[in-house]
Amino acid sequence: MEANPAETDRPDSDWWKSAVVYQVYPRSFADSNGDGIGDLRGIIEHLDHIQLLGIDVVWLSPVYRSPQDDNGYDISDYQDVDPVFGTLADLDELVTGIHLRGMRIILDLVVNHTSDEHAWFQDSRTSRTSAHADWYVWRDPRPGTTGGTPGAEPNNWGAFFGGSAWEWEPARGQYYLHLFSKKQPDLNWDNDVVRAAVYGMMTSWLDRGVDGFRMDVINFISKDPGFPDGAVLANGYGDGTPFFSYGPHIHDYLAEMKSTVFDTRPTTVFTVGEMPTVTPEQAARFTDARTGQLNMVFQFEHVDLDHDGVKWNHRPATVLDLKRSFGRWQEALAEHGWNSLYWSNHDQPRVVSRWGNDREYWYESATALATVLHLHRGTPYVYQGEELGMTNGTFATLDEFRDIESLNYYDVATNTLGLAPDDVLTGMRRISRDNARLPVHWDGGAHAGFTTGEPWMPVHSNHTWLNAAAQVGDPNSVYTFYRRLIGLRHSSRIVVDGTFTMLLADHPTVYAFIRESIDGRLLVVANLSDEPASVELDELDGAELLLANHARTPAGRFDPWDARVYRLPRRG
């Protein structure tokens, strides 16, 4: 079996800078046993699809034991596989299969919280003197109040999935903190025994052959010990993010993790931290090659551009907004930090529907958006199905939604805030996480080849023409364009090492930039709109076209969603 001609065998410690990562959301990737839910053996059966794309690293979303309240991000046993996905033996086979193909594998690390069905929490909730009593964040009711009654919560924070962030536990006579679902209690990272248990679990996975971790909301693990009230939001709850998104010990705990777990390994461990609300300056500190704790972080600035601070409230975002956002991050992390580059993941809707035109210019916008993203400075991520140009779902009725965040929002929006159900559904169709969780389209047959049974979510009707079988091997497909784009990254050190210079910063639709290193210069130009555009760029004189998604037009004219990559002459 031939390994990818990629950078995964580079001896230097920063191999991850040259890598392209592919995220697998197992529940929706491929079902091998006909129960309608994707599983590990389904992934094993499709590894060649991932390898052929040119991928270096596979990121596996959670497959641990879980009650599945939040589709696996509520973990009840960190060191076993949930039977819905298979067995530990299946996971070992997957790791081996990925390594044989010259790729690496990283697991989702979800350690801000566990499931309330985890043995640690089951013991912790019983009393204030149990073995795990201080393993979670417990607080007494507000002074002068009766626990379990409205207003008795320790503070006014709201949970991301709706309602209060505090849940009353009569057995202890205290509240526990849950920043997400009430079935996801937050671990107490100020307890050094908790940290040691987490580090031991991580080490055991690395010993098992895993190559690194994507760390779920890892910047939330350190909380302000005063737990002050937050500014009240439209939903009536306080915003607690200023008190836990960049807590007092976040760098201390991640530095301890690095020295205890990562620095003891014989090879570089891949680390990426999901960090909602992180600023460019904070991200630079986390990822500084000299003093930082992580290889890279996921920031949310660009995926928050098209709402007003509440994800369900849409506001149009422009190409200028994108350029300003990406430009800020390229500049802030230029010297010693590192960017992670992504459009989509299991929490974000499909990029071709969100930022592109999934109707008249489906192919062109899918490939133009890919071109712009992948050629920035940083490590790019491909979410399953993105390489096919998969689109958002249709979701005719509420019954077709599965995501706990979306369903909780519908309940609050219609029953508490009094919003019109049709308006609420419109917002959910646009931005719900369920858009990314529709089954992957493997062929045009029944259930898109995802399962022989009834899929856990309805398959999109466009699978009859938008599928892997139709695209793999087609020189004009989205999949083949992704292969070429990834191949360009692997063949050109400029993409990895080069500086980033934005061009046409004020142009409303054309996104253009130069990447430059000692190996040469590349020019990237893309018209991210439904209308043709003409630009004057002196750099186009003498430029050699390397990659394009469109039929050729004159050098300065760009058709709708026209994207091109040029090699520029070396400076004199």
Protein backbone atom coordinates (compact mmCIF):
# COMPACT_ATOMS: atom_id res chain seq x y z
CA MET A 1 0.00 0.00 0.00
CA GLU A 2 1.57 3.30 -1.12
CA ALA A 3 1.74 6.12 1.40
CA ASN A 4 0.84 9.68 0.50
CA PRO A 5 3.73 11.67 -1.00
CA ALA A 6 3.12 14.17 1.77
CA GLU A 7 5.08 15.60 4.65
CA THR A 8 4.12 12.97 7.24
CA ASP A 9 7.61 11.43 7.23
CA ARG A 10 9.53 14.68 7.62
CA PRO A 11 12.05 14.30 10.43
CA ASP A 12 11.60 17.83 11.71
CA SER A 13 9.28 18.53 14.62
CA ASP A 14 6.93 20.85 12.75
CA TRP A 15 5.63 18.29 10.24
CA TRP A 16 2.09 19.38 11.05
CA LYS A 17 2.66 22.69 9.25
CA SER A 18 2.68 20.82 5.94
CA ALA A 19 -0.28 18.60 6.81
CA VAL A 20 -3.87 18.62 5.62
CA VAL A 21 -6.38 17.28 8.14
CA TYR A 22 -9.62 15.44 7.34
CA GLN A 23 -12.34 15.35 9.98
CA VAL A 24 -14.48 12.24 10.29
CA TYR A 25 -17.76 12.53 12.20
CA PRO A 26 -18.29 8.78 12.65
CA ARG A 27 -22.06 8.79 13.15
CA SER A 28 -22.57 10.22 9.66
CA PHE A 29 -19.58 8.89 7.71
CA ALA A 30 -20.38 5.29 6.73
CA ASP A 31 -22.45 2.51 8.31
CA SER A 32 -21.10 -1.02 7.93
CA ASN A 33 -23.78 -3.04 9.75
CA GLY A 34 -27.08 -1.58 8.56
CA ASP A 35 -28.23 -0.04 11.85
CA GLY A 36 -28.38 3.42 10.26
CA ILE A 37 -25.49 4.85 12.31
CA GLY A 38 -21.96 5.27 11.01
CA ASP A 39 -19.27 3.20 12.71
CA LEU A 40 -15.56 2.44 12.83
CA ARG A 41 -15.70 -0.37 10.29
CA GLY A 42 -17.46 1.99 7.90
CA ILE A 43 -14.50 4.35 8.21
CA ILE A 44 -12.05 1.49 7.64
CA GLU A 45 -13.89 0.58 4.43
CA HIS A 46 -13.43 4.12 3.06
CA LEU A 47 -9.86 4.91 4.06
CA ASP A 48 -8.73 4.76 0.44
CA HIS A 49 -11.10 7.65 -0.35
CA ILE A 50 -9.33 9.75 2.28
CA GLN A 51 -5.84 8.69 1.26
CA LEU A 52 -6.47 9.34 -2.44
CA LEU A 53 -7.46 12.89 -1.54
CA GLY A 54 -3.91 13.42 -0.24
CA ILE A 55 -4.77 13.71 3.44
CA ASP A 56 -2.04 13.55 6.11
CA VAL A 57 -4.05 13.47 9.34
CA VAL A 58 -7.46 12.00 10.15
CA TRP A 59 -9.30 13.69 13.02
CA LEU A 60 -11.81 11.28 14.54
CA SER A 61 -14.73 12.85 16.41
CA PRO A 62 -15.65 11.07 19.65
CA VAL A 63 -16.27 7.31 19.58
CA TYR A 64 -15.93 6.82 23.35
CA ARG A 65 -18.70 5.29 25.45
CA SER A 66 -21.46 7.84 25.75
CA PRO A 67 -25.21 8.15 26.37
CA GLN A 68 -25.18 10.25 23.16
CA ASP A 69 -26.97 13.24 24.66
CA ASP A 70 -24.67 15.44 22.57
CA ASN A 71 -23.76 12.84 19.95
CA GLY A 72 -20.69 11.57 21.78
CA TYR A 73 -19.39 14.83 23.23
CA ASP A 74 -20.80 13.61 26.55
CA ILE A 75 -18.35 10.87 27.52
CA SER A 76 -19.08 8.22 30.15
CA ASP A 77 -15.83 6.24 29.67
CA TYR A 78 -12.75 7.80 28.11
CA GLN A 79 -10.97 4.51 27.55
CA ASP A 80 -13.54 2.40 25.77
CA VAL A 81 -15.44 2.55 22.47
CA ASP A 82 -19.19 2.94 22.45
CA PRO A 83 -20.82 -0.22 21.04
CA VAL A 84 -22.76 1.89 18.54
CA PHE A 85 -19.41 2.55 16.82
CA GLY A 86 -17.75 -0.83 17.35
CA THR A 87 -14.99 -2.08 19.63
CA LEU A 88 -11.50 -1.22 20.78
CA ALA A 89 -10.26 -3.85 18.34
CA ASP A 90 -12.01 -1.95 15.53
CA LEU A 91 -10.34 1.25 16.64
CA ASP A 92 -6.94 -0.46 16.74
CA GLU A 93 -7.54 -1.71 13.20
CA LEU A 94 -8.48 1.80 12.10
CA VAL A 95 -5.29 3.23 13.61
CA THR A 96 -3.24 0.57 11.84
CA GLY A 97 -4.99 1.15 8.52
CA ILE A 98 -4.38 4.89 8.73
CA HIS A 99 -0.71 4.40 9.56
CA LEU A 100 -0.23 1.91 6.73
CA ARG A 101 -1.46 4.57 4.33
CA GLY A 102 1.13 7.08 5.55
CA MET A 103 -1.39 9.12 7.51
CA ARG A 104 -1.75 9.95 11.19
CA ILE A 105 -4.80 9.93 13.46
CA ILE A 106 -5.88 12.34 16.18
CA LEU A 107 -8.75 11.84 18.63
CA ASP A 108 -11.21 14.34 20.00
CA LEU A 109 -10.26 15.18 23.58
CA VAL A 110 -13.35 16.30 25.51
CA VAL A 111 -12.17 17.14 29.02
CA ASN A 112 -13.91 20.38 29.95
CA HIS A 113 -16.80 18.13 30.93
CA THR A 114 -17.88 14.49 31.06
CA SER A 115 -21.26 12.81 30.84
CA ASP A 116 -23.33 12.81 34.02
CA GLU A 117 -23.26 9.03 33.58
CA HIS A 118 -19.48 8.86 33.96
CA ALA A 119 -18.46 6.89 37.06
CA TRP A 120 -16.59 9.94 38.37
CA PHE A 121 -19.74 12.06 38.40
CA GLN A 122 -21.97 9.27 39.61
CA ASP A 123 -19.80 9.13 42.72
CA SER A 124 -19.30 12.89 42.97
CA ARG A 125 -23.01 13.64 43.07
CA THR A 126 -23.70 11.31 46.01
CA SER A 127 -22.14 13.40 48.78
CA ARG A 128 -19.62 16.08 49.65
CA THR A 129 -17.26 13.48 51.11
CA SER A 130 -17.21 10.87 48.32
CA ALA A 131 -13.96 9.83 46.61
CA HIS A 132 -14.70 12.11 43.65
CA ALA A 133 -16.47 14.83 45.61
CA ASP A 134 -14.23 17.64 44.34
CA TRP A 135 -13.81 16.37 40.77
CA TYR A 136 -16.56 18.64 39.40
CA VAL A 137 -17.55 22.28 39.88
CA TRP A 138 -20.00 22.36 42.81
CA ARG A 139 -21.35 25.48 44.50
CA ASP A 140 -23.87 26.29 47.20
CA PRO A 141 -27.07 28.22 46.45
CA ARG A 142 -26.94 32.00 46.64
CA PRO A 143 -26.98 33.20 50.25
CA GLY A 144 -30.49 33.58 51.59
CA THR A 145 -32.09 31.32 48.96
CA THR A 146 -33.39 27.77 48.91
CA GLY A 147 -31.56 25.40 46.60
CA GLY A 148 -33.55 24.17 43.63
CA THR A 149 -35.80 27.23 43.49
CA PRO A 150 -35.65 29.93 40.78
CA GLY A 151 -32.94 32.47 41.50
CA ALA A 152 -31.02 30.24 43.89
CA GLU A 153 -28.38 29.34 41.30
CA PRO A 154 -24.82 30.39 42.29
CA ASN A 155 -24.74 32.95 39.49
CA ASN A 156 -26.78 33.99 36.46
CA TRP A 157 -24.77 32.21 33.75
CA GLY A 158 -26.67 30.61 30.91
CA ALA A 159 -25.72 27.32 29.28
CA PHE A 160 -24.80 27.21 25.59
CA PHE A 161 -27.55 24.68 24.97
CA GLY A 162 -30.19 26.75 26.74
CA GLY A 163 -31.36 27.40 30.28
CA SER A 164 -29.22 27.93 33.36
CA ALA A 165 -25.64 26.68 33.50
CA TRP A 166 -26.37 25.25 36.97
CA GLU A 167 -28.30 22.12 37.95
CA TRP A 168 -29.48 21.34 41.47
CA GLU A 169 -28.40 18.03 43.01
CA PRO A 170 -30.53 17.23 46.09
CA ALA A 171 -28.24 14.43 47.31
CA ARG A 172 -25.38 16.89 47.81
CA GLY A 173 -27.47 19.96 48.46
CA GLN A 174 -25.43 21.84 45.84
CA TYR A 175 -25.48 22.96 42.23
CA TYR A 176 -23.11 21.63 39.59
CA LEU A 177 -21.90 23.68 36.65
CA HIS A 178 -22.64 22.59 33.07
CA LEU A 179 -21.68 25.06 30.38
CA PHE A 180 -23.47 22.88 27.83
CA SER A 181 -26.19 20.26 28.45
CA LYS A 182 -27.20 19.45 32.01
CA LYS A 183 -25.92 15.96 31.20
CA GLN A 184 -22.43 17.42 30.66
CA PRO A 185 -21.10 18.49 34.09
CA ASP A 186 -17.88 20.51 34.06
CA LEU A 187 -14.75 18.95 35.52
CA ASN A 188 -12.89 20.82 38.24
CA TRP A 189 -9.51 21.49 36.67
CA ASP A 190 -8.32 23.24 39.80
CA ASN A 191 -8.09 19.78 41.36
CA ASP A 192 -4.63 18.37 40.61
CA VAL A 193 -5.95 14.80 40.93
CA VAL A 194 -8.41 15.49 38.10
CA ARG A 195 -5.63 16.84 35.91
CA ALA A 196 -3.46 13.81 36.63
CA ALA A 197 -6.30 11.47 35.67
CA VAL A 198 -6.82 13.31 32.39
CA TYR A 199 -3.11 13.25 31.57
CA GLY A 200 -2.97 9.53 32.30
CA MET A 201 -5.89 8.90 29.97
CA MET A 202 -4.23 10.91 27.21
CA THR A 203 -0.96 9.05 27.64
CA SER A 204 -2.76 5.71 27.34
CA TRP A 205 -4.18 6.73 23.94
CA LEU A 206 -0.79 7.86 22.70
CA ASP A 207 0.65 4.53 23.87
CA ARG A 208 -2.09 2.87 21.83
CA GLY A 209 -0.84 4.52 18.64
CA VAL A 210 -2.84 7.74 18.43
CA ASP A 211 -0.82 10.69 17.11
CA GLY A 212 -2.47 13.64 18.84
CA PHE A 213 -5.63 15.40 19.93
CA ARG A 214 -8.16 17.97 18.89
CA MET A 215 -9.17 19.51 22.23
CA ASP A 216 -12.83 20.42 22.61
CA VAL A 217 -13.47 23.90 24.13
CA ILE A 218 -10.14 23.52 25.90
CA ASN A 219 -9.92 27.23 26.78
CA PHE A 220 -12.95 26.79 29.08
CA ILE A 221 -11.19 24.53 31.60
CA SER A 222 -10.06 27.35 33.93
CA LYS A 223 -12.84 29.34 35.59
CA ASP A 224 -12.76 32.57 37.56
CA PRO A 225 -12.99 31.24 41.14
CA GLY A 226 -15.33 34.08 42.13
CA PHE A 227 -17.97 32.95 39.61
CA PRO A 228 -19.36 36.50 39.21
CA ASP A 229 -22.61 37.26 37.43
CA GLY A 230 -22.36 38.07 33.73
CA ALA A 231 -24.00 40.74 31.62
CA VAL A 232 -27.61 39.74 30.97
CA LEU A 233 -28.32 38.62 27.40
CA ALA A 234 -31.57 38.64 25.42
CA ASN A 235 -32.40 35.15 26.71
CA GLY A 236 -32.45 36.45 30.29
CA TYR A 237 -29.27 34.68 31.40
CA GLY A 238 -25.85 36.13 32.11
CA ASP A 239 -22.89 35.83 29.74
CA GLY A 240 -20.26 33.89 31.62
CA THR A 241 -17.70 33.72 28.81
CA PRO A 242 -15.51 36.56 30.17
CA PHE A 243 -15.01 34.44 33.29
CA PHE A 244 -14.12 31.09 31.72
CA SER A 245 -12.98 31.59 28.13
CA TYR A 246 -9.50 32.75 29.18
CA GLY A 247 -9.36 31.79 32.83
CA PRO A 248 -6.57 32.55 35.30
CA HIS A 249 -4.81 29.19 34.96
CA ILE A 250 -5.44 28.26 31.32
CA HIS A 251 -1.80 28.64 30.26
CA ASP A 252 -0.59 26.94 33.43
CA TYR A 253 -2.75 23.87 32.87
CA LEU A 254 -1.91 23.56 29.18
CA ALA A 255 1.80 23.99 29.93
CA GLU A 256 1.51 21.23 32.53
CA MET A 257 -0.26 19.02 29.97
CA LYS A 258 2.48 19.70 27.44
CA SER A 259 5.33 18.89 29.80
CA THR A 260 3.60 15.87 31.33
CA VAL A 261 2.12 14.27 28.22
CA PHE A 262 3.50 15.70 24.97
CA ASP A 263 7.12 16.52 25.71
CA THR A 264 7.80 12.99 26.98
CA ARG A 265 6.94 11.40 23.62
CA PRO A 266 9.64 10.38 21.12
CA THR A 267 7.82 12.12 18.23
CA THR A 268 5.88 15.36 17.94
CA VAL A 269 2.27 15.08 19.10
CA PHE A 270 -0.31 16.93 16.98
CA THR A 271 -2.30 19.36 19.14
CA VAL A 272 -5.09 21.74 18.17
CA GLY A 273 -7.27 23.49 20.71
CA GLU A 274 -10.84 24.53 19.97
CA MET A 275 -11.08 27.97 21.59
CA PRO A 276 -14.31 29.93 21.18
CA THR A 277 -13.87 33.72 21.68
CA VAL A 278 -10.07 33.50 21.60
CA THR A 279 -8.45 36.68 20.30
CA PRO A 280 -5.56 36.77 17.81
CA GLU A 281 -3.26 37.98 20.57
CA GLN A 282 -4.27 35.12 22.88
CA ALA A 283 -3.95 32.60 20.05
CA ALA A 284 -0.43 33.84 19.32
CA ARG A 285 0.48 33.18 22.93
CA PHE A 286 -0.99 29.67 22.84
CA THR A 287 0.80 28.76 19.60
CA ASP A 288 4.11 30.59 19.93
CA ALA A 289 6.72 28.10 18.73
CA ARG A 290 9.08 29.16 21.53
CA THR A 291 6.80 29.38 24.56
CA GLY A 292 3.33 28.21 23.56
CA GLN A 293 1.50 25.07 24.62
CA LEU A 294 -0.26 23.97 21.41
CA ASN A 295 0.55 23.61 17.71
CA MET A 296 -2.52 25.62 16.69
CA VAL A 297 -6.00 26.67 17.80
CA PHE A 298 -9.44 26.84 16.24
CA GLN A 299 -10.74 30.38 16.40
CA PHE A 300 -14.34 31.37 15.67
CA GLU A 301 -14.08 34.93 14.44
CA HIS A 302 -14.76 34.23 10.77
CA VAL A 303 -17.65 31.82 11.45
CA ASP A 304 -19.27 34.43 13.69
CA LEU A 305 -19.34 37.11 10.98
CA ASP A 306 -22.81 36.28 9.67
CA HIS A 307 -24.76 36.74 12.90
CA ASP A 308 -25.25 39.49 15.48
CA GLY A 309 -23.71 37.66 18.43
CA VAL A 310 -26.55 35.13 18.59
CA LYS A 311 -25.81 32.42 16.01
CA TRP A 312 -29.47 32.08 14.99
CA ASN A 313 -29.85 35.79 14.14
CA HIS A 314 -28.58 36.14 10.58
CA ARG A 315 -26.86 39.22 9.25
CA PRO A 316 -25.21 39.32 5.82
CA ALA A 317 -21.43 39.09 5.82
CA THR A 318 -19.29 40.31 2.95
CA VAL A 319 -16.05 39.33 1.26
CA LEU A 320 -14.55 42.44 2.87
CA ASP A 321 -15.55 41.06 6.27
CA LEU A 322 -13.78 37.80 5.46
CA LYS A 323 -10.64 39.52 4.22
CA ARG A 324 -10.40 41.71 7.30
CA SER A 325 -10.90 38.75 9.62
CA PHE A 326 -8.50 36.35 7.93
CA GLY A 327 -6.02 39.17 7.40
CA ARG A 328 -5.97 39.98 11.11
CA TRP A 329 -5.21 36.38 11.99
CA GLN A 330 -2.56 35.99 9.32
CA GLU A 331 -0.81 39.08 10.63
CA ALA A 332 -1.14 38.26 14.33
CA LEU A 333 0.29 34.76 14.00
CA ALA A 334 2.84 35.56 11.29
CA GLU A 335 6.02 35.52 13.33
CA HIS A 336 5.82 32.75 15.89
CA GLY A 337 2.24 31.42 15.95
CA TRP A 338 0.30 29.16 13.62
CA ASN A 339 -3.21 29.21 12.13
CA SER A 340 -5.69 26.42 11.66
CA LEU A 341 -7.72 26.98 8.50
CA TYR A 342 -11.28 25.74 8.20
CA TRP A 343 -14.66 26.52 6.70
CA SER A 344 -16.72 23.66 8.06
CA ASN A 345 -16.81 21.06 10.81
CA HIS A 346 -19.40 19.09 12.77
CA ASP A 347 -20.60 22.34 14.40
CA GLN A 348 -20.75 24.55 11.29
CA PRO A 349 -23.06 24.45 8.24
CA ARG A 350 -21.79 23.55 4.80
CA VAL A 351 -19.53 26.23 3.37
CA VAL A 352 -20.87 26.07 -0.20
CA SER A 353 -24.33 26.91 1.14
CA ARG A 354 -23.16 29.42 3.71
CA TRP A 355 -20.55 31.46 1.83
CA GLY A 356 -20.96 30.21 -1.74
CA ASN A 357 -23.78 29.68 -4.23
CA ASP A 358 -25.00 26.08 -4.00
CA ARG A 359 -27.33 26.51 -6.97
CA GLU A 360 -26.07 28.30 -10.10
CA TYR A 361 -22.38 28.19 -9.15
CA TRP A 362 -22.15 25.10 -6.97
CA TYR A 363 -18.90 23.71 -8.45
CA GLU A 364 -17.28 27.08 -8.94
CA SER A 365 -18.02 28.42 -5.46
CA ALA A 366 -17.07 25.17 -3.71
CA THR A 367 -13.68 25.16 -5.41
CA ALA A 368 -13.07 28.92 -5.16
CA LEU A 369 -13.67 28.89 -1.41
CA ALA A 370 -11.35 25.90 -1.06
CA THR A 371 -8.61 27.66 -3.02
CA VAL A 372 -8.70 30.77 -0.87
CA LEU A 373 -8.69 28.85 2.41
CA HIS A 374 -6.02 26.24 1.69
CA LEU A 375 -3.42 28.67 0.45
CA HIS A 376 -3.33 30.89 3.52
CA ARG A 377 -0.57 30.37 6.06
CA GLY A 378 -1.66 27.60 8.40
CA THR A 379 -2.86 24.00 8.50
CA PRO A 380 -6.06 23.41 6.48
CA TYR A 381 -8.93 21.14 7.56
CA VAL A 382 -11.40 19.32 5.31
CA TYR A 383 -14.67 18.25 6.88
CA GLN A 384 -16.15 15.01 5.53
CA GLY A 385 -18.16 15.65 2.38
CA GLU A 386 -16.62 19.09 1.89
CA GLU A 387 -14.36 17.54 -0.74
CA LEU A 388 -17.54 16.61 -2.62
CA GLY A 389 -19.20 20.01 -2.26
CA MET A 390 -21.97 18.68 -0.02
CA THR A 391 -24.65 21.28 0.73
CA ASN A 392 -26.90 22.19 3.63
CA GLY A 393 -30.00 20.10 4.20
CA THR A 394 -33.60 21.09 3.54
CA PHE A 395 -35.25 20.12 6.87
CA ALA A 396 -38.90 20.45 5.92
CA THR A 397 -40.16 20.04 9.50
CA LEU A 398 -38.88 20.19 13.07
CA ASP A 399 -39.02 16.38 13.20
CA GLU A 400 -36.06 16.16 10.81
CA PHE A 401 -33.69 17.90 13.26
CA ARG A 402 -31.62 15.83 15.70
CA ASP A 403 -29.16 18.28 17.27
CA ILE A 404 -29.73 19.04 20.97
CA GLU A 405 -28.59 22.65 20.56
CA SER A 406 -31.05 23.25 17.72
CA LEU A 407 -33.98 21.54 19.44
CA ASN A 408 -33.36 23.38 22.72
CA TYR A 409 -33.17 26.65 20.83
CA TYR A 410 -36.51 25.97 19.13
CA ASP A 411 -38.12 25.31 22.50
CA VAL A 412 -36.78 28.50 24.09
CA ALA A 413 -37.35 30.67 21.00
CA THR A 414 -40.98 29.65 20.53
CA ASN A 415 -42.12 29.05 24.11
CA THR A 416 -40.08 31.62 26.05
CA LEU A 417 -39.12 34.34 23.59
CA GLY A 418 -42.39 34.12 21.64
CA LEU A 419 -40.79 33.96 18.19
CA ALA A 420 -42.79 32.67 15.23
CA PRO A 421 -42.10 28.96 14.65
CA ASP A 422 -41.57 29.44 10.91
CA ASP A 423 -38.99 32.16 11.52
CA VAL A 424 -37.20 29.97 14.04
CA LEU A 425 -37.09 27.05 11.59
CA THR A 426 -35.70 29.34 8.89
CA GLY A 427 -32.77 30.22 11.13
CA MET A 428 -32.22 26.59 12.07
CA ARG A 429 -32.15 25.50 8.42
CA ARG A 430 -29.42 28.03 7.73
CA ILE A 431 -27.07 27.52 10.67
CA SER A 432 -27.98 24.34 12.57
CA ARG A 433 -25.21 21.86 13.28
CA ASP A 434 -27.41 19.20 11.68
CA ASN A 435 -26.44 20.57 8.25
CA ALA A 436 -22.96 19.12 8.75
CA ARG A 437 -24.25 15.88 10.19
CA LEU A 438 -26.26 14.62 7.24
CA PRO A 439 -24.88 11.26 6.02
CA VAL A 440 -22.00 11.37 3.54
CA HIS A 441 -22.98 10.69 -0.06
CA TRP A 442 -21.07 7.65 -1.30
CA ASP A 443 -23.24 6.90 -4.33
CA GLY A 444 -26.54 7.76 -5.97
CA GLY A 445 -28.40 4.72 -4.69
CA ALA A 446 -30.69 4.18 -1.74
CA HIS A 447 -29.60 6.25 1.29
CA ALA A 448 -26.58 7.46 -0.70
CA GLY A 449 -24.69 4.24 0.01
CA PHE A 450 -24.33 5.36 3.62
CA THR A 451 -26.34 2.47 5.05
CA THR A 452 -28.45 -0.51 4.04
CA GLY A 453 -30.84 0.33 6.88
CA GLU A 454 -32.74 3.45 7.88
CA PRO A 455 -30.27 6.33 8.38
CA TRP A 456 -30.30 8.16 11.71
CA MET A 457 -30.77 11.38 9.74
CA PRO A 458 -32.51 11.68 6.37
CA VAL A 459 -30.15 11.71 3.39
CA HIS A 460 -30.18 14.84 1.21
CA SER A 461 -32.17 14.39 -2.00
CA ASN A 462 -29.28 15.75 -4.11
CA HIS A 463 -27.21 12.63 -3.36
CA THR A 464 -28.40 11.17 -6.67
CA TRP A 465 -25.91 13.40 -8.50
CA LEU A 466 -23.72 14.80 -5.72
CA ASN A 467 -21.78 11.77 -4.50
CA ALA A 468 -18.32 10.24 -4.29
CA ALA A 469 -18.91 7.57 -6.93
CA ALA A 470 -19.71 10.27 -9.49
CA GLN A 471 -16.72 12.45 -8.57
CA VAL A 472 -13.73 10.22 -7.85
CA GLY A 473 -11.90 9.85 -11.15
CA ASP A 474 -13.80 12.70 -12.83
CA PRO A 475 -11.18 15.31 -13.81
CA ASN A 476 -13.77 18.09 -13.51
CA SER A 477 -15.17 17.25 -10.08
CA VAL A 478 -14.93 19.05 -6.76
CA TYR A 479 -13.11 16.02 -5.35
CA THR A 480 -10.45 16.11 -8.07
CA PHE A 481 -9.98 19.84 -7.57
CA TYR A 482 -9.36 19.25 -3.86
CA ARG A 483 -6.76 16.62 -4.81
CA ARG A 484 -4.98 19.15 -7.03
CA LEU A 485 -5.14 21.85 -4.38
CA ILE A 486 -3.74 19.54 -1.70
CA GLY A 487 -1.11 18.32 -4.16
CA LEU A 488 -0.03 21.90 -4.75
CA ARG A 489 0.41 22.38 -1.03
CA HIS A 490 2.53 19.24 -0.77
CA SER A 491 4.70 20.12 -3.75
CA SER A 492 5.37 23.76 -2.86
CA ARG A 493 7.19 24.81 0.26
CA ILE A 494 6.00 28.35 -0.45
CA VAL A 495 2.52 27.40 0.77
CA VAL A 496 3.94 26.15 4.06
CA ASP A 497 6.76 28.57 4.76
CA GLY A 498 5.86 31.69 2.80
CA THR A 499 4.83 35.06 4.15
CA PHE A 500 1.30 36.33 3.50
CA THR A 501 0.55 39.66 1.81
CA MET A 502 -3.04 40.75 1.17
CA LEU A 503 -3.73 42.50 -2.15
CA LEU A 504 -6.80 44.51 -3.19
CA ALA A 505 -7.78 44.85 0.45
CA ASP A 506 -10.71 47.14 -0.36
CA HIS A 507 -12.10 45.26 -3.35
CA PRO A 508 -15.66 44.14 -2.49
CA THR A 509 -15.55 40.72 -4.16
CA VAL A 510 -12.04 39.76 -5.26
CA TYR A 511 -9.86 38.01 -2.68
CA ALA A 512 -6.18 38.17 -3.66
CA PHE A 513 -2.91 37.56 -1.84
CA ILE A 514 0.74 36.63 -2.36
CA ARG A 515 2.66 33.89 -0.58
CA GLU A 516 6.43 34.35 -0.73
CA SER A 517 9.47 32.48 0.56
CA ILE A 518 13.03 31.75 -0.52
CA ASP A 519 11.51 29.13 -2.83
CA GLY A 520 9.55 31.70 -4.84
CA ARG A 521 6.19 33.48 -4.99
CA LEU A 522 2.58 32.41 -5.51
CA LEU A 523 -0.35 34.66 -6.38
CA VAL A 524 -3.89 33.60 -5.42
CA VAL A 525 -6.85 35.46 -6.93
CA ALA A 526 -10.52 34.53 -6.52
CA ASN A 527 -13.74 36.33 -7.37
CA LEU A 528 -16.07 35.31 -4.52
CA SER A 529 -19.31 36.55 -6.05
CA ASP A 530 -22.02 35.82 -8.60
CA GLU A 531 -20.95 38.74 -10.78
CA PRO A 532 -17.89 39.04 -13.04
CA ALA A 533 -15.08 41.27 -11.85
CA SER A 534 -12.14 43.03 -13.45
CA VAL A 535 -9.00 43.93 -11.55
CA GLU A 536 -5.65 45.48 -12.31
CA LEU A 537 -2.77 43.54 -10.84
CA ASP A 538 0.74 44.22 -12.06
CA GLU A 539 1.72 40.83 -10.68
CA LEU A 540 -0.27 39.10 -13.44
CA ASP A 541 2.34 40.16 -16.00
CA GLY A 542 4.55 37.16 -16.67
CA ALA A 543 2.68 34.98 -14.17
CA GLU A 544 2.43 31.22 -14.82
CA LEU A 545 -0.98 29.67 -14.17
CA LEU A 546 -0.71 26.63 -11.86
CA LEU A 547 -4.31 25.89 -10.88
CA ALA A 548 -7.73 27.19 -11.89
CA ASN A 549 -11.36 26.18 -11.52
CA HIS A 550 -12.72 28.00 -14.58
CA ALA A 551 -12.47 28.21 -18.34
CA ARG A 552 -9.88 30.78 -19.25
CA THR A 553 -10.74 34.44 -19.55
CA PRO A 554 -8.43 37.43 -20.07
CA ALA A 555 -5.86 37.84 -17.30
CA GLY A 556 -7.55 40.73 -15.49
CA ARG A 557 -11.13 39.51 -15.88
CA PHE A 558 -12.65 37.02 -13.45
CA ASP A 559 -15.93 35.23 -14.02
CA PRO A 560 -18.25 34.48 -11.08
CA TRP A 561 -16.42 32.34 -8.52
CA ASP A 562 -13.33 32.22 -10.71
CA ALA A 563 -10.25 31.14 -8.73
CA ARG A 564 -6.67 30.95 -9.97
CA VAL A 565 -3.23 30.27 -8.56
CA TYR A 566 -0.15 31.63 -10.34
CA ARG A 567 3.58 31.19 -9.95
CA LEU A 568 5.21 34.59 -10.11
CA PRO A 569 8.68 35.39 -11.44
CA ARG A 570 11.34 35.61 -8.76
CA ARG A 571 12.26 39.07 -7.63
CA GLY A 572 15.20 40.52 -9.49
